[in-house]
Amino acid sequence: MSGAGEAARKFFLEGQVQGVGCRAQIREKVANLGGLSGTVRNLSDGRVEVCVSGSREQLERLAGILKQG
């Protein structure tokens, strides 16, 4: 990553997250924040993995959104 303020984070979501449109909702939230890029995928153990990179500020905002559910 080129910017000094850039970082990467990995989040794991548990609970009822597969089969309910979770990945699409996360992609929409990431797009609305702007400046983030990454992937969202279902894991075989029932969790959803979110790998994103961008500014530290945007990653913290996303972390807060994901904690809300």
PDB file of N, CA and C in Angstrom:
ATOM      1  N   MET A   1       0.834  -1.181   0.000  1.00  0.00           N
ATOM      2  CA  MET A   1       0.000   0.000   0.000  1.00  0.00           C
ATOM      3  C   MET A   1       0.874   1.238   0.000  1.00  0.00           C
ATOM      4  N   SER A   2       0.446   2.237  -0.711  1.00  0.00           N
ATOM      5  CA  SER A   2       1.314   3.393  -0.902  1.00  0.00           C
ATOM      6  C   SER A   2       1.144   4.475   0.149  1.00  0.00           C
ATOM      7  N   GLY A   3      -0.060   4.687   0.669  1.00  0.00           N
ATOM      8  CA  GLY A   3      -0.288   5.777   1.608  1.00  0.00           C
ATOM      9  C   GLY A   3       0.088   5.417   3.023  1.00  0.00           C
ATOM     10  N   ALA A   4       0.618   6.393   3.755  1.00  0.00           N
ATOM     11  CA  ALA A   4       1.027   6.140   5.135  1.00  0.00           C
ATOM     12  C   ALA A   4      -0.159   5.840   6.027  1.00  0.00           C
ATOM     13  N   GLY A   5      -1.343   6.335   5.665  1.00  0.00           N
ATOM     14  CA  GLY A   5      -2.522   6.128   6.480  1.00  0.00           C
ATOM     15  C   GLY A   5      -3.337   4.914   6.071  1.00  0.00           C
ATOM     16  N   GLU A   6      -2.792   4.087   5.167  1.00  0.00           N
ATOM     17  CA  GLU A   6      -3.528   2.927   4.701  1.00  0.00           C
ATOM     18  C   GLU A   6      -3.219   1.704   5.548  1.00  0.00           C
ATOM     19  N   ALA A   7      -4.210   0.826   5.621  1.00  0.00           N
ATOM     20  CA  ALA A   7      -4.071  -0.392   6.412  1.00  0.00           C
ATOM     21  C   ALA A   7      -4.984  -1.461   5.822  1.00  0.00           C
ATOM     22  N   ALA A   8      -4.892  -2.643   6.370  1.00  0.00           N
ATOM     23  CA  ALA A   8      -5.770  -3.748   5.980  1.00  0.00           C
ATOM     24  C   ALA A   8      -6.316  -4.396   7.238  1.00  0.00           C
ATOM     25  N   ARG A   9      -7.553  -4.870   7.166  1.00  0.00           N
ATOM     26  CA  ARG A   9      -8.179  -5.545   8.306  1.00  0.00           C
ATOM     27  C   ARG A   9      -8.919  -6.767   7.814  1.00  0.00           C
ATOM     28  N   LYS A  10      -9.053  -7.732   8.694  1.00  0.00           N
ATOM     29  CA  LYS A  10      -9.840  -8.921   8.417  1.00  0.00           C
ATOM     30  C   LYS A  10     -10.851  -9.057   9.541  1.00  0.00           C
ATOM     31  N   PHE A  11     -12.111  -9.223   9.179  1.00  0.00           N
ATOM     32  CA  PHE A  11     -13.197  -9.392  10.139  1.00  0.00           C
ATOM     33  C   PHE A  11     -13.848 -10.749   9.902  1.00  0.00           C
ATOM     34  N   PHE A  12     -14.316 -11.372  10.975  1.00  0.00           N
ATOM     35  CA  PHE A  12     -15.068 -12.610  10.877  1.00  0.00           C
ATOM     36  C   PHE A  12     -16.419 -12.380  11.541  1.00  0.00           C
ATOM     37  N   LEU A  13     -17.479 -12.632  10.797  1.00  0.00           N
ATOM     38  CA  LEU A  13     -18.830 -12.444  11.311  1.00  0.00           C
ATOM     39  C   LEU A  13     -19.440 -13.800  11.598  1.00  0.00           C
ATOM     40  N   GLU A  14     -20.089 -13.903  12.763  1.00  0.00           N
ATOM     41  CA  GLU A  14     -20.701 -15.158  13.187  1.00  0.00           C
ATOM     42  C   GLU A  14     -22.186 -14.956  13.412  1.00  0.00           C
ATOM     43  N   GLY A  15     -22.889 -16.057  13.576  1.00  0.00           N
ATOM     44  CA  GLY A  15     -24.323 -16.001  13.804  1.00  0.00           C
ATOM     45  C   GLY A  15     -25.042 -16.358  12.517  1.00  0.00           C
ATOM     46  N   GLN A  16     -26.218 -15.799  12.330  1.00  0.00           N
ATOM     47  CA  GLN A  16     -26.989 -16.057  11.117  1.00  0.00           C
ATOM     48  C   GLN A  16     -26.509 -15.109  10.034  1.00  0.00           C
ATOM     49  N   VAL A  17     -25.417 -15.479   9.386  1.00  0.00           N
ATOM     50  CA  VAL A  17     -24.807 -14.596   8.399  1.00  0.00           C
ATOM     51  C   VAL A  17     -24.777 -15.189   6.996  1.00  0.00           C
ATOM     52  N   GLN A  18     -25.048 -16.464   6.845  1.00  0.00           N
ATOM     53  CA  GLN A  18     -25.068 -17.061   5.520  1.00  0.00           C
ATOM     54  C   GLN A  18     -26.504 -17.315   5.097  1.00  0.00           C
ATOM     55  N   GLY A  19     -26.780 -17.046   3.836  1.00  0.00           N
ATOM     56  CA  GLY A  19     -28.114 -17.282   3.303  1.00  0.00           C
ATOM     57  C   GLY A  19     -29.116 -16.179   3.609  1.00  0.00           C
ATOM     58  N   VAL A  20     -28.649 -15.050   4.140  1.00  0.00           N
ATOM     59  CA  VAL A  20     -29.544 -13.945   4.484  1.00  0.00           C
ATOM     60  C   VAL A  20     -29.142 -12.637   3.782  1.00  0.00           C
ATOM     61  N   GLY A  21     -28.293 -12.739   2.782  1.00  0.00           N
ATOM     62  CA  GLY A  21     -27.858 -11.547   2.055  1.00  0.00           C
ATOM     63  C   GLY A  21     -26.769 -10.763   2.750  1.00  0.00           C
ATOM     64  N   CYS A  22     -26.079 -11.378   3.671  1.00  0.00           N
ATOM     65  CA  CYS A  22     -25.045 -10.687   4.455  1.00  0.00           C
ATOM     66  C   CYS A  22     -23.930 -10.144   3.561  1.00  0.00           C
ATOM     67  N   ARG A  23     -23.429 -10.966   2.647  1.00  0.00           N
ATOM     68  CA  ARG A  23     -22.330 -10.511   1.787  1.00  0.00           C
ATOM     69  C   ARG A  23     -22.738  -9.300   0.967  1.00  0.00           C
ATOM     70  N   ALA A  24     -23.934  -9.326   0.407  1.00  0.00           N
ATOM     71  CA  ALA A  24     -24.405  -8.196  -0.403  1.00  0.00           C
ATOM     72  C   ALA A  24     -24.546  -6.935   0.454  1.00  0.00           C
ATOM     73  N   GLN A  25     -25.054  -7.091   1.659  1.00  0.00           N
ATOM     74  CA  GLN A  25     -25.208  -5.938   2.548  1.00  0.00           C
ATOM     75  C   GLN A  25     -23.851  -5.352   2.925  1.00  0.00           C
ATOM     76  N   ILE A  26     -22.878  -6.212   3.165  1.00  0.00           N
ATOM     77  CA  ILE A  26     -21.538  -5.729   3.515  1.00  0.00           C
ATOM     78  C   ILE A  26     -20.916  -4.999   2.327  1.00  0.00           C
ATOM     79  N   ARG A  27     -21.054  -5.575   1.136  1.00  0.00           N
ATOM     80  CA  ARG A  27     -20.522  -4.908  -0.058  1.00  0.00           C
ATOM     81  C   ARG A  27     -21.133  -3.518  -0.224  1.00  0.00           C
ATOM     82  N   GLU A  28     -22.422  -3.390   0.040  1.00  0.00           N
ATOM     83  CA  GLU A  28     -23.092  -2.098  -0.065  1.00  0.00           C
ATOM     84  C   GLU A  28     -22.540  -1.121   0.972  1.00  0.00           C
ATOM     85  N   LYS A  29     -22.351  -1.576   2.199  1.00  0.00           N
ATOM     86  CA  LYS A  29     -21.812  -0.712   3.257  1.00  0.00           C
ATOM     87  C   LYS A  29     -20.403  -0.240   2.906  1.00  0.00           C
ATOM     88  N   VAL A  30     -19.579  -1.160   2.384  1.00  0.00           N
ATOM     89  CA  VAL A  30     -18.218  -0.803   1.986  1.00  0.00           C
ATOM     90  C   VAL A  30     -18.256   0.223   0.854  1.00  0.00           C
ATOM     91  N   ALA A  31     -19.126   0.011  -0.115  1.00  0.00           N
ATOM     92  CA  ALA A  31     -19.239   0.955  -1.235  1.00  0.00           C
ATOM     93  C   ALA A  31     -19.689   2.327  -0.744  1.00  0.00           C
ATOM     94  N   ASN A  32     -20.608   2.363   0.216  1.00  0.00           N
ATOM     95  CA  ASN A  32     -21.097   3.635   0.751  1.00  0.00           C
ATOM     96  C   ASN A  32     -20.020   4.391   1.516  1.00  0.00           C
ATOM     97  N   LEU A  33     -19.102   3.669   2.141  1.00  0.00           N
ATOM     98  CA  LEU A  33     -18.011   4.335   2.853  1.00  0.00           C
ATOM     99  C   LEU A  33     -17.014   4.937   1.875  1.00  0.00           C
ATOM    100  N   GLY A  34     -16.824   4.307   0.748  1.00  0.00           N
ATOM    101  CA  GLY A  34     -15.874   4.779  -0.252  1.00  0.00           C
ATOM    102  C   GLY A  34     -14.442   4.622   0.208  1.00  0.00           C
ATOM    103  N   GLY A  35     -13.547   4.433  -0.711  1.00  0.00           N
ATOM    104  CA  GLY A  35     -12.129   4.362  -0.405  1.00  0.00           C
ATOM    105  C   GLY A  35     -11.655   3.034   0.151  1.00  0.00           C
ATOM    106  N   LEU A  36     -12.530   2.033   0.232  1.00  0.00           N
ATOM    107  CA  LEU A  36     -12.141   0.708   0.712  1.00  0.00           C
ATOM    108  C   LEU A  36     -12.233  -0.286  -0.433  1.00  0.00           C
ATOM    109  N   SER A  37     -11.399  -1.315  -0.374  1.00  0.00           N
ATOM    110  CA  SER A  37     -11.501  -2.402  -1.347  1.00  0.00           C
ATOM    111  C   SER A  37     -11.227  -3.706  -0.623  1.00  0.00           C
ATOM    112  N   GLY A  38     -11.746  -4.790  -1.177  1.00  0.00           N
ATOM    113  CA  GLY A  38     -11.503  -6.072  -0.553  1.00  0.00           C
ATOM    114  C   GLY A  38     -12.466  -7.139  -1.024  1.00  0.00           C
ATOM    115  N   THR A  39     -12.611  -8.170  -0.184  1.00  0.00           N
ATOM    116  CA  THR A  39     -13.453  -9.312  -0.523  1.00  0.00           C
ATOM    117  C   THR A  39     -14.317  -9.705   0.667  1.00  0.00           C
ATOM    118  N   VAL A  40     -15.421 -10.349   0.347  1.00  0.00           N
ATOM    119  CA  VAL A  40     -16.329 -10.897   1.349  1.00  0.00           C
ATOM    120  C   VAL A  40     -16.649 -12.312   0.898  1.00  0.00           C
ATOM    121  N   ARG A  41     -16.494 -13.302   1.802  1.00  0.00           N
ATOM    122  CA  ARG A  41     -16.783 -14.674   1.382  1.00  0.00           C
ATOM    123  C   ARG A  41     -17.326 -15.497   2.532  1.00  0.00           C
ATOM    124  N   ASN A  42     -18.132 -16.490   2.173  1.00  0.00           N
ATOM    125  CA  ASN A  42     -18.643 -17.453   3.144  1.00  0.00           C
ATOM    126  C   ASN A  42     -17.545 -18.459   3.455  1.00  0.00           C
ATOM    127  N   LEU A  43     -17.438 -18.828   4.718  1.00  0.00           N
ATOM    128  CA  LEU A  43     -16.497 -19.866   5.131  1.00  0.00           C
ATOM    129  C   LEU A  43     -17.255 -21.164   5.391  1.00  0.00           C
ATOM    130  N   SER A  44     -16.556 -22.263   5.321  1.00  0.00           N
ATOM    131  CA  SER A  44     -17.199 -23.567   5.492  1.00  0.00           C
ATOM    132  C   SER A  44     -17.736 -23.788   6.900  1.00  0.00           C
ATOM    133  N   ASP A  45     -17.255 -23.020   7.876  1.00  0.00           N
ATOM    134  CA  ASP A  45     -17.725 -23.192   9.263  1.00  0.00           C
ATOM    135  C   ASP A  45     -18.947 -22.323   9.583  1.00  0.00           C
ATOM    136  N   GLY A  46     -19.513 -21.643   8.564  1.00  0.00           N
ATOM    137  CA  GLY A  46     -20.717 -20.846   8.763  1.00  0.00           C
ATOM    138  C   GLY A  46     -20.473 -19.363   8.986  1.00  0.00           C
ATOM    139  N   ARG A  47     -19.229 -18.961   9.126  1.00  0.00           N
ATOM    140  CA  ARG A  47     -18.917 -17.546   9.302  1.00  0.00           C
ATOM    141  C   ARG A  47     -18.752 -16.862   7.949  1.00  0.00           C
ATOM    142  N   VAL A  48     -18.707 -15.544   7.977  1.00  0.00           N
ATOM    143  CA  VAL A  48     -18.397 -14.744   6.795  1.00  0.00           C
ATOM    144  C   VAL A  48     -17.099 -14.005   7.090  1.00  0.00           C
ATOM    145  N   GLU A  49     -16.175 -14.049   6.132  1.00  0.00           N
ATOM    146  CA  GLU A  49     -14.888 -13.378   6.256  1.00  0.00           C
ATOM    147  C   GLU A  49     -14.907 -12.111   5.404  1.00  0.00           C
ATOM    148  N   VAL A  50     -14.484 -11.001   6.002  1.00  0.00           N
ATOM    149  CA  VAL A  50     -14.406  -9.722   5.311  1.00  0.00           C
ATOM    150  C   VAL A  50     -12.955  -9.260   5.367  1.00  0.00           C
ATOM    151  N   CYS A  51     -12.311  -9.147   4.203  1.00  0.00           N
ATOM    152  CA  CYS A  51     -10.931  -8.664   4.119  1.00  0.00           C
ATOM    153  C   CYS A  51     -10.964  -7.340   3.365  1.00  0.00           C
ATOM    154  N   VAL A  52     -10.550  -6.266   4.017  1.00  0.00           N
ATOM    155  CA  VAL A  52     -10.623  -4.943   3.386  1.00  0.00           C
ATOM    156  C   VAL A  52      -9.344  -4.157   3.620  1.00  0.00           C
ATOM    157  N   SER A  53      -9.087  -3.225   2.716  1.00  0.00           N
ATOM    158  CA  SER A  53      -7.966  -2.309   2.882  1.00  0.00           C
ATOM    159  C   SER A  53      -8.428  -0.909   2.520  1.00  0.00           C
ATOM    160  N   GLY A  54      -7.775   0.051   3.113  1.00  0.00           N
ATOM    161  CA  GLY A  54      -8.103   1.458   2.886  1.00  0.00           C
ATOM    162  C   GLY A  54      -7.543   2.302   4.008  1.00  0.00           C
ATOM    163  N   SER A  55      -8.105   3.475   4.175  1.00  0.00           N
ATOM    164  CA  SER A  55      -7.601   4.358   5.230  1.00  0.00           C
ATOM    165  C   SER A  55      -7.987   3.800   6.599  1.00  0.00           C
ATOM    166  N   ARG A  56      -7.176   4.094   7.570  1.00  0.00           N
ATOM    167  CA  ARG A  56      -7.456   3.622   8.939  1.00  0.00           C
ATOM    168  C   ARG A  56      -8.807   4.152   9.430  1.00  0.00           C
ATOM    169  N   GLU A  57      -9.110   5.386   9.092  1.00  0.00           N
ATOM    170  CA  GLU A  57     -10.382   5.989   9.505  1.00  0.00           C
ATOM    171  C   GLU A  57     -11.566   5.214   8.921  1.00  0.00           C
ATOM    172  N   GLN A  58     -11.492   4.902   7.634  1.00  0.00           N
ATOM    173  CA  GLN A  58     -12.580   4.164   6.995  1.00  0.00           C
ATOM    174  C   GLN A  58     -12.696   2.748   7.562  1.00  0.00           C
ATOM    175  N   LEU A  59     -11.584   2.126   7.869  1.00  0.00           N
ATOM    176  CA  LEU A  59     -11.613   0.783   8.460  1.00  0.00           C
ATOM    177  C   LEU A  59     -12.251   0.807   9.842  1.00  0.00           C
ATOM    178  N   GLU A  60     -11.987   1.841  10.608  1.00  0.00           N
ATOM    179  CA  GLU A  60     -12.603   1.957  11.930  1.00  0.00           C
ATOM    180  C   GLU A  60     -14.109   2.195  11.809  1.00  0.00           C
ATOM    181  N   ARG A  61     -14.501   2.988  10.824  1.00  0.00           N
ATOM    182  CA  ARG A  61     -15.936   3.209  10.590  1.00  0.00           C
ATOM    183  C   ARG A  61     -16.620   1.902  10.205  1.00  0.00           C
ATOM    184  N   LEU A  62     -15.970   1.122   9.333  1.00  0.00           N
ATOM    185  CA  LEU A  62     -16.527  -0.158   8.933  1.00  0.00           C
ATOM    186  C   LEU A  62     -16.613  -1.109  10.132  1.00  0.00           C
ATOM    187  N   ALA A  63     -15.591  -1.118  10.975  1.00  0.00           N
ATOM    188  CA  ALA A  63     -15.616  -1.974  12.170  1.00  0.00           C
ATOM    189  C   ALA A  63     -16.823  -1.648  13.033  1.00  0.00           C
ATOM    190  N   GLY A  64     -17.106  -0.370  13.217  1.00  0.00           N
ATOM    191  CA  GLY A  64     -18.271   0.030  13.985  1.00  0.00           C
ATOM    192  C   GLY A  64     -19.576  -0.423  13.367  1.00  0.00           C
ATOM    193  N   ILE A  65     -19.663  -0.307  12.048  1.00  0.00           N
ATOM    194  CA  ILE A  65     -20.867  -0.745  11.343  1.00  0.00           C
ATOM    195  C   ILE A  65     -21.061  -2.247  11.482  1.00  0.00           C
ATOM    196  N   LEU A  66     -19.987  -3.006  11.339  1.00  0.00           N
ATOM    197  CA  LEU A  66     -20.091  -4.464  11.432  1.00  0.00           C
ATOM    198  C   LEU A  66     -20.450  -4.919  12.843  1.00  0.00           C
ATOM    199  N   LYS A  67     -19.991  -4.188  13.847  1.00  0.00           N
ATOM    200  CA  LYS A  67     -20.334  -4.542  15.236  1.00  0.00           C
ATOM    201  C   LYS A  67     -21.829  -4.351  15.498  1.00  0.00           C
ATOM    202  N   GLN A  68     -22.445  -3.401  14.804  1.00  0.00           N
ATOM    203  CA  GLN A  68     -23.885  -3.151  14.975  1.00  0.00           C
ATOM    204  C   GLN A  68     -24.712  -4.282  14.386  1.00  0.00           C
ATOM    205  N   GLY A  69     -24.153  -5.014  13.459  1.00  0.00           N
ATOM    206  CA  GLY A  69     -24.878  -6.157  12.866  1.00  0.00           C
ATOM    207  C   GLY A  69     -25.574  -5.825  11.606  1.00  0.00           C
TER     208      GLY A  69
END
